[in-house]
Amino acid sequence: MKCLGWLAMGAALAASGEALALGGIANVSVVDRDSGATLSTYYYRGEYWVAGHPGSRYAIEIANYSGGRVLAVTSVDGVNVLSGATAGWDQTGYVFDPGERYQITGWRKSESEVAAFTFTASPNSYAARTGRPANIGVIGVAVFREQPPLHIPPRITQSPYQPGAAESQAQDSNRPAAPPAAALEAPAVGITGGMAADRAERRDLATPSAPAAKLGTGHGEREYSYVQDTDFHRLQPEPNEVIRIRYDSMENLIAMGIVRRPHPMPPAPNAFPGTAREFVPDPPG
């Protein structure tokens, strides 16, 4: 099956709120581009959450720590970040070389431009504005390993011995038919994609309502971001790994009990509060 995707131009458990990347084959984290900080990850009831700041631009950072190339089919709010289609595993994605790290910074508009990801109120999100508000508040990355190149055995050369005509004809009648040429060709490889649609088992990415208006991802300003086509043939139809990160505002994470409300630290007690340091005073005048 032909798959469609892009080669990124990149450089080669957290209840306490640590800024850690998720995943085994590929590591995924969310970066606040305005502050440069990797967002802290909170683990709550089997899911990972990050707190976004309304109005901030963000990026999905993916690092390939496997020994081969991988394909990352990436979605935001249930929408494929490359094609804008409702996300599925059989779609386009980014291809990462071994050891490569890359930040996906927006909705791809062309081979050289994206519209920046911005945290915004859910009614202003790209998903809501395109009539698909059901899955706002989730980032998904489906990771596929690459199938090794098809090994074609070397062609057997003819033996120096030349049989007679009758013997040669008898050998030919007993020789099995050669396989068609198409059987020796490598399977069609295409540019990054997901699994075959007829075998896809889509994961339900719907999220429950938050106590207040949820945070979504807007369609921000255009920015330069360069990619190029590449061929990729998936090892298997289903992803080798699926990473899911939910997000909302810090206020909503606190309201849902995912993050504990911080308490201000009282001033440290002084063991000798009545003692004042005295130094030489200035002379009069």
Protein backbone atom coordinates (compact mmCIF):
# COMPACT_ATOMS: atom_id res chain seq x y z
CA MET A 1 0.00 0.00 0.00
CA LYS A 2 1.25 3.49 -0.77
CA CYS A 3 1.48 5.83 2.17
CA LEU A 4 1.88 9.58 2.04
CA GLY A 5 4.12 11.63 4.35
CA TRP A 6 6.93 14.08 4.88
CA LEU A 7 10.53 14.03 5.99
CA ALA A 8 11.09 16.58 8.75
CA MET A 9 14.10 18.87 8.61
CA GLY A 10 15.14 18.32 12.20
CA ALA A 11 18.30 17.99 14.23
CA ALA A 12 20.00 14.88 14.44
CA LEU A 13 5.42 9.58 35.37
CA ALA A 14 4.56 12.52 36.42
CA ALA A 15 2.04 13.02 39.20
CA SER A 16 4.49 15.51 40.59
CA GLY A 17 4.51 17.48 37.35
CA GLU A 18 7.89 16.66 35.85
CA ALA A 19 8.77 17.87 32.35
CA LEU A 20 9.37 14.46 30.82
CA ALA A 21 8.85 12.98 27.38
CA LEU A 22 6.44 10.11 26.85
CA GLY A 23 6.93 7.02 24.72
CA GLY A 24 9.45 4.25 24.14
CA ILE A 25 10.16 4.05 20.40
CA ALA A 26 9.76 7.82 20.05
CA ASN A 27 9.64 10.37 22.85
CA VAL A 28 6.92 13.01 22.72
CA SER A 29 6.73 16.23 24.72
CA VAL A 30 4.91 19.57 24.46
CA VAL A 31 6.97 22.77 24.41
CA ASP A 32 5.73 26.29 25.15
CA ARG A 33 7.45 28.20 22.34
CA ASP A 34 6.99 31.60 23.94
CA SER A 35 8.86 30.63 27.11
CA GLY A 36 10.96 27.80 25.65
CA ALA A 37 9.94 25.51 28.53
CA THR A 38 8.86 21.90 28.16
CA LEU A 39 5.43 21.66 29.77
CA SER A 40 5.20 19.61 32.95
CA THR A 41 3.41 16.29 32.58
CA TYR A 42 0.77 15.20 35.12
CA TYR A 43 -0.41 11.58 35.41
CA TYR A 44 -4.04 11.20 36.44
CA ARG A 45 -6.28 8.11 36.23
CA GLY A 46 -4.28 6.44 33.48
CA GLU A 47 -3.79 9.54 31.33
CA TYR A 48 -1.10 12.18 30.87
CA TRP A 49 -1.96 15.87 30.99
CA VAL A 50 -0.19 19.17 30.35
CA ALA A 51 -1.35 22.67 31.24
CA GLY A 52 -1.33 25.19 28.41
CA HIS A 53 -1.37 28.96 28.75
CA PRO A 54 -4.07 30.68 26.66
CA GLY A 55 -2.53 32.69 23.86
CA SER A 56 0.81 30.87 23.89
CA ARG A 57 2.28 29.16 20.85
CA TYR A 58 3.32 25.55 21.38
CA ALA A 59 5.09 22.71 19.59
CA ILE A 60 4.91 18.92 19.68
CA GLU A 61 8.51 17.72 20.00
CA ILE A 62 9.23 14.19 18.79
CA ALA A 63 12.58 12.42 19.17
CA ASN A 64 13.32 9.08 17.50
CA TYR A 65 15.45 6.94 19.82
CA SER A 66 15.05 3.72 17.83
CA GLY A 67 17.67 2.25 15.54
CA GLY A 68 15.66 2.78 12.37
CA ARG A 69 13.37 5.26 10.72
CA VAL A 70 9.89 5.75 12.15
CA LEU A 71 6.70 7.38 10.94
CA ALA A 72 4.74 9.60 13.34
CA VAL A 73 1.11 10.15 12.33
CA THR A 74 0.24 13.16 14.48
CA SER A 75 -3.12 14.63 15.44
CA VAL A 76 -4.34 17.60 17.48
CA ASP A 77 -7.94 17.78 18.67
CA GLY A 78 -8.73 14.74 16.50
CA VAL A 79 -7.43 16.42 13.32
CA ASN A 80 -4.40 15.31 11.28
CA VAL A 81 -1.81 18.11 11.51
CA LEU A 82 -0.58 17.58 7.93
CA SER A 83 -3.76 17.09 5.93
CA GLY A 84 -6.47 18.66 8.12
CA ALA A 85 -8.59 15.50 7.79
CA THR A 86 -10.30 13.87 10.74
CA ALA A 87 -7.40 11.85 12.13
CA GLY A 88 -6.88 8.18 11.30
CA TRP A 89 -3.92 5.78 11.34
CA ASP A 90 -3.99 5.35 7.55
CA GLN A 91 -2.98 8.96 6.90
CA THR A 92 0.04 11.10 6.28
CA GLY A 93 2.68 11.81 8.92
CA TYR A 94 6.27 12.82 9.58
CA VAL A 95 9.24 10.47 9.00
CA PHE A 96 12.14 10.60 11.46
CA ASP A 97 15.64 9.27 10.87
CA PRO A 98 17.38 7.41 13.74
CA GLY A 99 18.31 9.88 16.47
CA GLU A 100 16.41 12.75 14.86
CA ARG A 101 14.51 15.32 16.94
CA TYR A 102 11.96 17.72 15.45
CA GLN A 103 9.35 20.19 16.66
CA ILE A 104 5.99 20.16 14.90
CA THR A 105 4.96 23.80 15.31
CA GLY A 106 1.67 24.08 13.43
CA TRP A 107 -0.90 22.99 10.89
CA ARG A 108 0.93 22.30 7.64
CA LYS A 109 -0.11 24.63 4.83
CA SER A 110 2.58 23.72 2.27
CA GLU A 111 6.06 22.21 2.05
CA SER A 112 7.46 25.46 3.44
CA GLU A 113 4.79 26.91 5.74
CA VAL A 114 2.61 26.11 8.76
CA ALA A 115 -0.08 27.93 10.74
CA ALA A 116 1.19 28.01 14.32
CA PHE A 117 -0.36 25.93 17.10
CA THR A 118 -1.77 28.31 19.71
CA PHE A 119 -3.60 27.55 22.93
CA THR A 120 -6.98 29.23 22.68
CA ALA A 121 -10.55 28.96 23.96
CA SER A 122 -12.20 25.86 22.50
CA PRO A 123 -14.79 27.76 20.38
CA ASN A 124 -11.89 29.45 18.56
CA SER A 125 -9.99 26.21 17.96
CA TYR A 126 -9.39 24.93 14.44
CA ALA A 127 -11.39 21.77 15.19
CA ALA A 128 -14.42 23.72 16.41
CA ARG A 129 -14.25 26.20 13.54
CA THR A 130 -14.29 23.29 11.07
CA GLY A 131 -17.26 21.62 12.76
CA ARG A 132 -15.37 18.92 14.72
CA PRO A 133 -15.43 19.94 18.42
CA ALA A 134 -15.84 16.43 19.91
CA ASN A 135 -12.14 15.69 20.46
CA ILE A 136 -10.75 19.06 21.52
CA GLY A 137 -8.01 18.82 24.15
CA VAL A 138 -5.94 15.83 23.02
CA ILE A 139 -2.66 15.35 21.15
CA GLY A 140 -2.01 11.96 19.55
CA VAL A 141 1.08 10.40 17.96
CA ALA A 142 0.86 6.97 16.29
CA VAL A 143 4.37 5.59 15.71
CA PHE A 144 5.18 3.03 12.99
CA ARG A 145 8.45 1.18 12.47
CA GLU A 146 9.73 0.82 8.91
CA GLN A 147 9.73 -2.46 7.00
CA PRO A 148 13.27 -3.54 6.04
CA PRO A 149 14.06 -3.55 2.31
CA LEU A 150 12.97 -6.70 0.49
CA HIS A 151 15.92 -9.05 -0.04
CA ILE A 152 16.09 -10.45 -3.58
CA PRO A 153 18.41 -13.48 -3.88
CA PRO A 154 21.15 -13.23 -6.53
CA ARG A 155 20.37 -14.70 -9.92
CA ILE A 156 21.86 -18.18 -10.49
CA THR A 157 24.21 -18.26 -13.46
CA GLN A 158 24.07 -21.08 -16.02
CA SER A 159 26.32 -24.07 -15.41
CA PRO A 160 29.21 -24.61 -17.86
CA TYR A 161 27.76 -28.07 -18.59
CA GLN A 162 25.47 -27.94 -21.64
CA PRO A 163 23.02 -30.90 -21.80
CA GLY A 164 21.91 -32.37 -25.06
CA ALA A 165 18.69 -31.26 -26.72
CA ALA A 166 16.62 -34.24 -25.49
CA GLU A 167 17.99 -33.99 -21.93
CA SER A 168 17.47 -30.24 -21.86
CA GLN A 169 13.86 -30.64 -23.00
CA ALA A 170 13.19 -33.21 -20.27
CA GLN A 171 14.65 -30.91 -17.60
CA ASP A 172 12.56 -28.01 -18.81
CA SER A 173 9.34 -30.06 -18.60
CA ASN A 174 10.05 -30.91 -14.94
CA ARG A 175 11.15 -27.41 -13.92
CA PRO A 176 8.51 -25.44 -11.95
CA ALA A 177 7.16 -22.30 -13.56
CA ALA A 178 9.02 -19.12 -12.70
CA PRO A 179 7.18 -16.67 -10.47
CA PRO A 180 5.79 -13.58 -12.20
CA ALA A 181 8.08 -10.57 -12.25
CA ALA A 182 5.73 -8.65 -9.96
CA ALA A 183 6.36 -11.16 -7.18
CA LEU A 184 10.02 -10.16 -7.05
CA GLU A 185 9.36 -6.47 -6.80
CA ALA A 186 9.54 -4.67 -3.48
CA PRO A 187 6.13 -3.75 -2.06
CA ALA A 188 4.96 -0.29 -2.95
CA VAL A 189 6.41 2.20 -0.56
CA GLY A 190 5.10 5.64 -0.23
CA ILE A 191 5.52 8.65 1.84
CA THR A 192 4.62 8.45 5.45
CA GLY A 193 1.22 7.23 6.49
CA GLY A 194 -0.80 5.16 8.89
CA MET A 195 -2.53 1.80 8.71
CA ALA A 196 -4.92 0.43 6.11
CA ALA A 197 -8.33 1.98 6.62
CA ASP A 198 -10.22 -1.33 6.49
CA ARG A 199 -8.15 -2.73 9.36
CA ALA A 200 -7.94 0.41 11.46
CA GLU A 201 -9.22 0.21 14.99
CA ARG A 202 -9.61 3.86 15.85
CA ARG A 203 -9.09 4.81 19.42
CA ASP A 204 -11.87 6.92 20.84
CA LEU A 205 -10.26 10.27 21.59
CA ALA A 206 -13.37 11.97 22.96
CA THR A 207 -12.81 13.86 26.18
CA PRO A 208 -15.27 14.67 28.94
CA SER A 209 -16.33 18.24 29.53
CA ALA A 210 -14.06 20.30 31.76
CA PRO A 211 -15.46 22.40 34.62
CA ALA A 212 -14.92 25.59 32.58
CA ALA A 213 -14.47 26.37 28.90
CA LYS A 214 -11.88 23.95 27.58
CA LEU A 215 -8.62 24.91 25.97
CA GLY A 216 -8.20 24.07 22.30
CA THR A 217 -5.64 24.64 19.54
CA GLY A 218 -6.06 27.58 17.24
CA HIS A 219 -4.96 28.21 13.65
CA GLY A 220 -2.26 30.81 14.29
CA GLU A 221 -0.02 32.99 12.17
CA ARG A 222 1.86 31.57 9.19
CA GLU A 223 5.47 30.56 9.79
CA TYR A 224 8.24 29.04 7.69
CA SER A 225 8.75 25.32 8.22
CA TYR A 226 10.34 23.14 5.54
CA VAL A 227 9.71 19.46 4.77
CA GLN A 228 10.14 17.18 1.77
CA ASP A 229 8.51 14.00 0.46
CA THR A 230 10.02 10.65 1.36
CA ASP A 231 9.16 6.96 0.90
CA PHE A 232 8.17 4.87 3.89
CA HIS A 233 6.72 1.36 4.08
CA ARG A 234 5.22 0.45 7.44
CA LEU A 235 6.30 -2.74 9.18
CA GLN A 236 2.69 -3.53 10.11
CA PRO A 237 -0.77 -1.99 9.60
CA GLU A 238 -1.25 -1.11 13.27
CA PRO A 239 0.98 1.41 15.05
CA ASN A 240 3.87 0.01 17.06
CA GLU A 241 3.17 2.65 19.67
CA VAL A 242 0.44 5.22 20.33
CA ILE A 243 1.15 8.21 22.59
CA ARG A 244 -1.72 10.35 23.82
CA ILE A 245 -1.40 13.60 25.78
CA ARG A 246 -4.43 15.54 26.97
CA TYR A 247 -4.25 19.24 27.70
CA ASP A 248 -6.26 22.06 29.25
CA SER A 249 -5.71 25.26 31.19
CA MET A 250 -4.08 25.10 34.61
CA GLU A 251 -7.32 26.40 36.17
CA ASN A 252 -9.25 23.45 34.73
CA LEU A 253 -6.59 20.92 35.75
CA ILE A 254 -6.83 22.24 39.31
CA ALA A 255 -10.65 22.16 39.19
CA MET A 256 -10.62 18.54 38.01
CA GLY A 257 -8.20 17.52 40.76
CA ILE A 258 -5.39 16.68 38.32
CA VAL A 259 -3.13 19.35 39.82
CA ARG A 260 -3.16 20.35 43.46
CA ARG A 261 -3.68 24.02 44.09
CA PRO A 262 -0.32 25.48 45.16
CA HIS A 263 -0.13 26.94 48.65
CA PRO A 264 2.14 29.93 49.34
CA MET A 265 5.04 29.11 51.61
CA PRO A 266 4.99 30.99 54.93
CA PRO A 267 8.09 33.02 55.78
CA ALA A 268 10.84 31.06 57.51
CA PRO A 269 10.91 31.55 61.30
CA ASN A 270 13.79 33.56 62.79
CA ALA A 271 15.51 31.98 65.78
CA PHE A 272 16.57 35.40 67.13
CA PRO A 273 13.98 37.93 65.97
CA GLY A 274 14.99 40.53 68.56
CA THR A 275 18.61 40.69 67.40
CA ALA A 276 19.61 43.47 65.02
CA ARG A 277 22.95 43.71 63.30
CA GLU A 278 24.77 46.90 64.23
CA PHE A 279 27.57 48.54 62.27
CA VAL A 280 29.59 51.73 62.60
CA PRO A 281 27.26 54.71 62.00
CA ASP A 282 28.10 57.57 59.69
CA PRO A 283 29.45 60.77 61.28
CA PRO A 284 27.05 63.68 61.71
CA GLY A 285 26.60 65.91 58.70
